[in-house]
């Protein structure tokens, strides 16, 4: 069966979108892991009555508990924003992929 040029282009576009979606999902997974770590750190800070320390490079530095909580909450907000953006992109890529696949499948029927 001979495939026309337009269909070949759509198949290539599908492959590119699938790769982009895969990369996006890897990013999402990394951000979710970082968000979980941040939430766990916040939880541990809430539990402790003792001094808290922050690791910077190879140094462990005693830090103010409230400042660290504030920093972690900002980080958490940023991660949530990035995850929301990734979810939006993921939905857009998935929708485009579905539409392209339908178009290509019509050509083969």
N, C-alpha and C. Protein backbone atom coordinates (compact mmCIF):
# COMPACT_ATOMS: atom_id res chain seq x y z
N UNK A 1 0.84 -1.19 0.00
CA UNK A 1 0.00 0.00 0.00
C UNK A 1 0.88 1.25 0.00
N UNK A 2 0.60 2.16 -0.89
CA UNK A 2 1.37 3.40 -1.03
C UNK A 2 0.79 4.47 -0.12
N UNK A 3 1.69 5.16 0.61
CA UNK A 3 1.27 6.21 1.53
C UNK A 3 1.61 7.56 0.89
N UNK A 4 0.62 8.46 0.83
CA UNK A 4 0.88 9.77 0.22
C UNK A 4 1.73 10.64 1.16
N UNK A 5 2.28 11.70 0.59
CA UNK A 5 3.19 12.58 1.33
C UNK A 5 2.54 13.22 2.55
N UNK A 6 1.31 13.64 2.40
CA UNK A 6 0.60 14.30 3.50
C UNK A 6 0.44 13.35 4.68
N UNK A 7 0.14 12.09 4.40
CA UNK A 7 0.00 11.08 5.46
C UNK A 7 1.34 10.80 6.12
N UNK A 8 2.41 10.76 5.31
CA UNK A 8 3.75 10.56 5.86
C UNK A 8 4.10 11.70 6.82
N UNK A 9 3.76 12.92 6.43
CA UNK A 9 4.03 14.08 7.29
C UNK A 9 3.26 13.99 8.60
N UNK A 10 2.02 13.53 8.51
CA UNK A 10 1.20 13.39 9.72
C UNK A 10 1.77 12.31 10.65
N UNK A 11 2.28 11.26 10.06
CA UNK A 11 2.89 10.19 10.86
C UNK A 11 4.15 10.72 11.55
N UNK A 12 4.94 11.50 10.84
CA UNK A 12 6.13 12.11 11.45
C UNK A 12 5.73 13.07 12.58
N UNK A 13 4.66 13.81 12.34
CA UNK A 13 4.17 14.74 13.37
C UNK A 13 3.70 13.98 14.61
N UNK A 14 3.07 12.84 14.39
CA UNK A 14 2.64 11.99 15.51
C UNK A 14 3.86 11.54 16.31
N UNK A 15 4.90 11.10 15.61
CA UNK A 15 6.10 10.64 16.30
C UNK A 15 6.75 11.76 17.12
N UNK A 16 6.78 12.96 16.56
CA UNK A 16 7.36 14.11 17.27
C UNK A 16 6.51 14.44 18.50
N UNK A 17 5.21 14.46 18.33
CA UNK A 17 4.32 14.74 19.47
C UNK A 17 4.45 13.68 20.55
N UNK A 18 4.56 12.43 20.15
CA UNK A 18 4.74 11.35 21.14
C UNK A 18 6.03 11.54 21.92
N UNK A 19 7.11 11.92 21.22
CA UNK A 19 8.39 12.16 21.89
C UNK A 19 8.29 13.35 22.85
N UNK A 20 7.64 14.42 22.38
CA UNK A 20 7.45 15.60 23.24
C UNK A 20 6.61 15.24 24.47
N UNK A 21 5.58 14.45 24.27
CA UNK A 21 4.74 14.03 25.39
C UNK A 21 5.53 13.18 26.37
N UNK A 22 6.35 12.30 25.85
CA UNK A 22 7.20 11.46 26.70
C UNK A 22 8.15 12.33 27.54
N UNK A 23 8.80 13.30 26.90
CA UNK A 23 9.71 14.21 27.61
C UNK A 23 8.96 15.01 28.67
N UNK A 24 7.76 15.44 28.33
CA UNK A 24 6.94 16.19 29.27
C UNK A 24 6.58 15.34 30.48
N UNK A 25 6.26 14.08 30.26
CA UNK A 25 5.91 13.19 31.36
C UNK A 25 7.11 12.92 32.26
N UNK A 26 8.30 12.86 31.68
CA UNK A 26 9.51 12.71 32.50
C UNK A 26 9.73 13.94 33.37
N UNK A 27 9.52 15.11 32.79
CA UNK A 27 9.62 16.36 33.56
C UNK A 27 8.60 16.38 34.69
N UNK A 28 7.39 15.98 34.35
CA UNK A 28 6.31 15.96 35.34
C UNK A 28 6.66 15.04 36.51
N UNK A 29 7.18 13.89 36.19
CA UNK A 29 7.57 12.93 37.23
C UNK A 29 8.66 13.53 38.14
N UNK A 30 9.63 14.19 37.55
CA UNK A 30 10.71 14.81 38.34
C UNK A 30 10.16 15.91 39.25
N UNK A 31 9.26 16.74 38.72
CA UNK A 31 8.67 17.80 39.53
C UNK A 31 7.80 17.23 40.65
N UNK A 32 7.08 16.15 40.36
CA UNK A 32 6.26 15.54 41.39
C UNK A 32 7.11 14.96 42.51
N UNK A 33 8.23 14.36 42.15
CA UNK A 33 9.15 13.83 43.17
C UNK A 33 9.70 14.98 44.03
N UNK A 34 10.09 16.07 43.38
CA UNK A 34 10.62 17.22 44.10
C UNK A 34 9.55 17.83 45.01
N UNK A 35 8.30 17.87 44.52
CA UNK A 35 7.20 18.38 45.33
C UNK A 35 6.97 17.50 46.56
N UNK A 36 7.01 16.18 46.38
CA UNK A 36 6.85 15.26 47.51
C UNK A 36 7.96 15.47 48.54
N UNK A 37 9.19 15.62 48.08
CA UNK A 37 10.31 15.87 49.00
C UNK A 37 10.12 17.18 49.76
N UNK A 38 9.65 18.20 49.07
CA UNK A 38 9.42 19.50 49.69
C UNK A 38 8.32 19.40 50.74
N UNK A 39 7.23 18.71 50.40
CA UNK A 39 6.14 18.54 51.35
C UNK A 39 6.58 17.73 52.56
N UNK A 40 7.40 16.72 52.34
CA UNK A 40 7.94 15.93 53.46
C UNK A 40 8.83 16.78 54.35
N UNK A 41 9.65 17.62 53.75
CA UNK A 41 10.52 18.50 54.53
C UNK A 41 9.69 19.47 55.36
N UNK A 42 8.64 20.03 54.77
CA UNK A 42 7.76 20.93 55.52
C UNK A 42 7.10 20.22 56.69
N UNK A 43 6.69 19.00 56.43
CA UNK A 43 6.06 18.20 57.49
C UNK A 43 7.02 17.94 58.64
N UNK A 44 8.26 17.62 58.31
CA UNK A 44 9.26 17.35 59.34
C UNK A 44 9.60 18.62 60.13
N UNK A 45 9.64 19.75 59.44
CA UNK A 45 9.91 21.02 60.12
C UNK A 45 8.80 21.32 61.14
N UNK A 46 7.57 21.03 60.76
CA UNK A 46 6.44 21.26 61.66
C UNK A 46 6.53 20.39 62.91
N UNK A 47 7.03 19.18 62.76
CA UNK A 47 7.10 18.22 63.87
C UNK A 47 8.20 18.54 64.88
N UNK A 48 9.29 19.13 64.40
CA UNK A 48 10.46 19.29 65.26
C UNK A 48 10.39 20.53 66.13
N UNK A 49 10.90 20.39 67.32
CA UNK A 49 11.03 21.52 68.24
C UNK A 49 12.49 21.98 68.31
N UNK A 50 13.35 21.24 67.67
CA UNK A 50 14.79 21.49 67.72
C UNK A 50 15.23 22.40 66.58
N UNK A 51 16.53 22.67 66.54
CA UNK A 51 17.11 23.47 65.47
C UNK A 51 16.93 22.75 64.14
N UNK A 52 16.85 23.54 63.08
CA UNK A 52 16.79 22.96 61.73
C UNK A 52 18.03 23.39 60.95
N UNK A 53 18.40 22.53 60.03
CA UNK A 53 19.59 22.77 59.22
C UNK A 53 19.23 22.67 57.76
N UNK A 54 20.00 23.39 56.97
CA UNK A 54 19.81 23.41 55.52
C UNK A 54 21.13 23.00 54.89
N UNK A 55 21.05 22.13 53.89
CA UNK A 55 22.26 21.69 53.20
C UNK A 55 22.44 22.54 51.94
N UNK A 56 23.59 23.20 51.88
CA UNK A 56 23.95 24.00 50.71
C UNK A 56 25.28 23.48 50.21
N UNK A 57 25.25 22.92 49.01
CA UNK A 57 26.43 22.29 48.44
C UNK A 57 26.91 21.20 49.40
N UNK A 58 28.10 21.31 49.94
CA UNK A 58 28.60 20.30 50.88
C UNK A 58 28.55 20.78 52.33
N UNK A 59 27.81 21.85 52.57
CA UNK A 59 27.74 22.42 53.91
C UNK A 59 26.36 22.24 54.52
N UNK A 60 26.33 21.96 55.82
CA UNK A 60 25.08 21.93 56.54
C UNK A 60 25.08 23.15 57.46
N UNK A 61 24.09 24.02 57.24
CA UNK A 61 24.05 25.30 57.95
C UNK A 61 22.79 25.38 58.80
N UNK A 62 22.96 25.80 60.05
CA UNK A 62 21.82 26.02 60.91
C UNK A 62 21.05 27.21 60.35
N UNK A 63 19.74 27.09 60.30
CA UNK A 63 18.93 28.15 59.71
C UNK A 63 17.69 28.41 60.55
N UNK A 64 17.09 29.55 60.31
CA UNK A 64 15.87 29.94 61.01
C UNK A 64 14.71 29.10 60.49
N UNK A 65 13.98 28.50 61.40
CA UNK A 65 12.89 27.59 61.05
C UNK A 65 11.82 28.30 60.20
N UNK A 66 11.43 29.50 60.59
CA UNK A 66 10.37 30.20 59.85
C UNK A 66 10.83 30.60 58.45
N UNK A 67 12.10 31.01 58.32
CA UNK A 67 12.61 31.36 56.99
C UNK A 67 12.67 30.14 56.08
N UNK A 68 13.08 29.01 56.64
CA UNK A 68 13.15 27.79 55.85
C UNK A 68 11.75 27.35 55.42
N UNK A 69 10.78 27.46 56.34
CA UNK A 69 9.40 27.12 55.99
C UNK A 69 8.90 28.02 54.86
N UNK A 70 9.20 29.30 54.95
CA UNK A 70 8.79 30.24 53.92
C UNK A 70 9.41 29.89 52.57
N UNK A 71 10.69 29.56 52.59
CA UNK A 71 11.41 29.18 51.37
C UNK A 71 10.81 27.91 50.76
N UNK A 72 10.54 26.93 51.61
CA UNK A 72 9.97 25.67 51.12
C UNK A 72 8.55 25.86 50.60
N UNK A 73 7.79 26.73 51.23
CA UNK A 73 6.43 27.01 50.74
C UNK A 73 6.46 27.71 49.39
N UNK A 74 7.41 28.62 49.19
CA UNK A 74 7.56 29.26 47.87
C UNK A 74 7.94 28.22 46.82
N UNK A 75 8.86 27.32 47.20
CA UNK A 75 9.28 26.27 46.28
C UNK A 75 8.09 25.37 45.94
N UNK A 76 7.30 25.04 46.94
CA UNK A 76 6.11 24.20 46.74
C UNK A 76 5.13 24.88 45.78
N UNK A 77 4.89 26.18 45.98
CA UNK A 77 3.99 26.92 45.09
C UNK A 77 4.50 26.92 43.66
N UNK A 78 5.80 27.13 43.50
CA UNK A 78 6.40 27.14 42.17
C UNK A 78 6.27 25.76 41.50
N UNK A 79 6.53 24.71 42.26
CA UNK A 79 6.41 23.36 41.71
C UNK A 79 4.96 23.06 41.31
N UNK A 80 4.02 23.47 42.13
CA UNK A 80 2.61 23.27 41.79
C UNK A 80 2.24 24.02 40.52
N UNK A 81 2.77 25.23 40.36
CA UNK A 81 2.52 26.02 39.15
C UNK A 81 3.11 25.33 37.92
N UNK A 82 4.33 24.82 38.07
CA UNK A 82 4.97 24.11 36.95
C UNK A 82 4.19 22.85 36.59
N UNK A 83 3.72 22.12 37.60
CA UNK A 83 2.94 20.91 37.34
C UNK A 83 1.62 21.23 36.65
N UNK A 84 1.01 22.33 37.04
CA UNK A 84 -0.24 22.75 36.40
C UNK A 84 0.01 23.07 34.93
N UNK A 85 1.11 23.76 34.66
CA UNK A 85 1.48 24.09 33.28
C UNK A 85 1.75 22.83 32.47
N UNK A 86 2.45 21.88 33.07
CA UNK A 86 2.74 20.63 32.38
C UNK A 86 1.46 19.86 32.11
N UNK A 87 0.53 19.85 33.05
CA UNK A 87 -0.75 19.18 32.83
C UNK A 87 -1.49 19.78 31.65
N UNK A 88 -1.44 21.10 31.54
CA UNK A 88 -2.08 21.79 30.43
C UNK A 88 -1.44 21.39 29.10
N UNK A 89 -0.10 21.38 29.07
CA UNK A 89 0.61 20.96 27.85
C UNK A 89 0.32 19.50 27.52
N UNK A 90 0.28 18.68 28.55
CA UNK A 90 0.01 17.25 28.35
C UNK A 90 -1.36 17.06 27.71
N UNK A 91 -2.35 17.78 28.19
CA UNK A 91 -3.70 17.68 27.62
C UNK A 91 -3.72 18.14 26.17
N UNK A 92 -3.00 19.22 25.90
CA UNK A 92 -2.94 19.74 24.53
C UNK A 92 -2.26 18.73 23.59
N UNK A 93 -1.12 18.18 24.00
CA UNK A 93 -0.42 17.19 23.18
C UNK A 93 -1.29 15.95 22.96
N UNK A 94 -1.94 15.50 24.00
CA UNK A 94 -2.78 14.30 23.90
C UNK A 94 -3.93 14.52 22.93
N UNK A 95 -4.51 15.70 22.99
CA UNK A 95 -5.61 16.04 22.08
C UNK A 95 -5.12 16.08 20.64
N UNK A 96 -3.98 16.72 20.41
CA UNK A 96 -3.42 16.79 19.06
C UNK A 96 -3.08 15.39 18.54
N UNK A 97 -2.51 14.57 19.42
CA UNK A 97 -2.17 13.20 19.02
C UNK A 97 -3.40 12.41 18.61
N UNK A 98 -4.42 12.53 19.41
CA UNK A 98 -5.66 11.80 19.12
C UNK A 98 -6.24 12.22 17.76
N UNK A 99 -6.27 13.53 17.52
CA UNK A 99 -6.79 14.03 16.25
C UNK A 99 -5.95 13.54 15.07
N UNK A 100 -4.63 13.61 15.19
CA UNK A 100 -3.76 13.16 14.10
C UNK A 100 -3.90 11.65 13.86
N UNK A 101 -3.98 10.89 14.92
CA UNK A 101 -4.14 9.43 14.77
C UNK A 101 -5.43 9.10 14.04
N UNK A 102 -6.49 9.81 14.37
CA UNK A 102 -7.78 9.58 13.69
C UNK A 102 -7.66 9.87 12.21
N UNK A 103 -6.99 11.00 11.88
CA UNK A 103 -6.80 11.37 10.48
C UNK A 103 -6.01 10.30 9.73
N UNK A 104 -4.94 9.84 10.33
CA UNK A 104 -4.09 8.84 9.68
C UNK A 104 -4.84 7.51 9.53
N UNK A 105 -5.57 7.14 10.54
CA UNK A 105 -6.31 5.85 10.48
C UNK A 105 -7.38 5.89 9.39
N UNK A 106 -7.97 7.05 9.14
CA UNK A 106 -8.95 7.17 8.05
C UNK A 106 -8.32 6.85 6.71
N UNK A 107 -7.05 7.24 6.55
CA UNK A 107 -6.35 6.99 5.29
C UNK A 107 -6.11 5.50 5.05
N UNK A 108 -5.99 4.74 6.15
CA UNK A 108 -5.69 3.32 6.02
C UNK A 108 -6.94 2.46 5.90
N UNK A 109 -8.08 3.04 6.13
CA UNK A 109 -9.33 2.26 6.03
C UNK A 109 -9.90 2.28 4.64
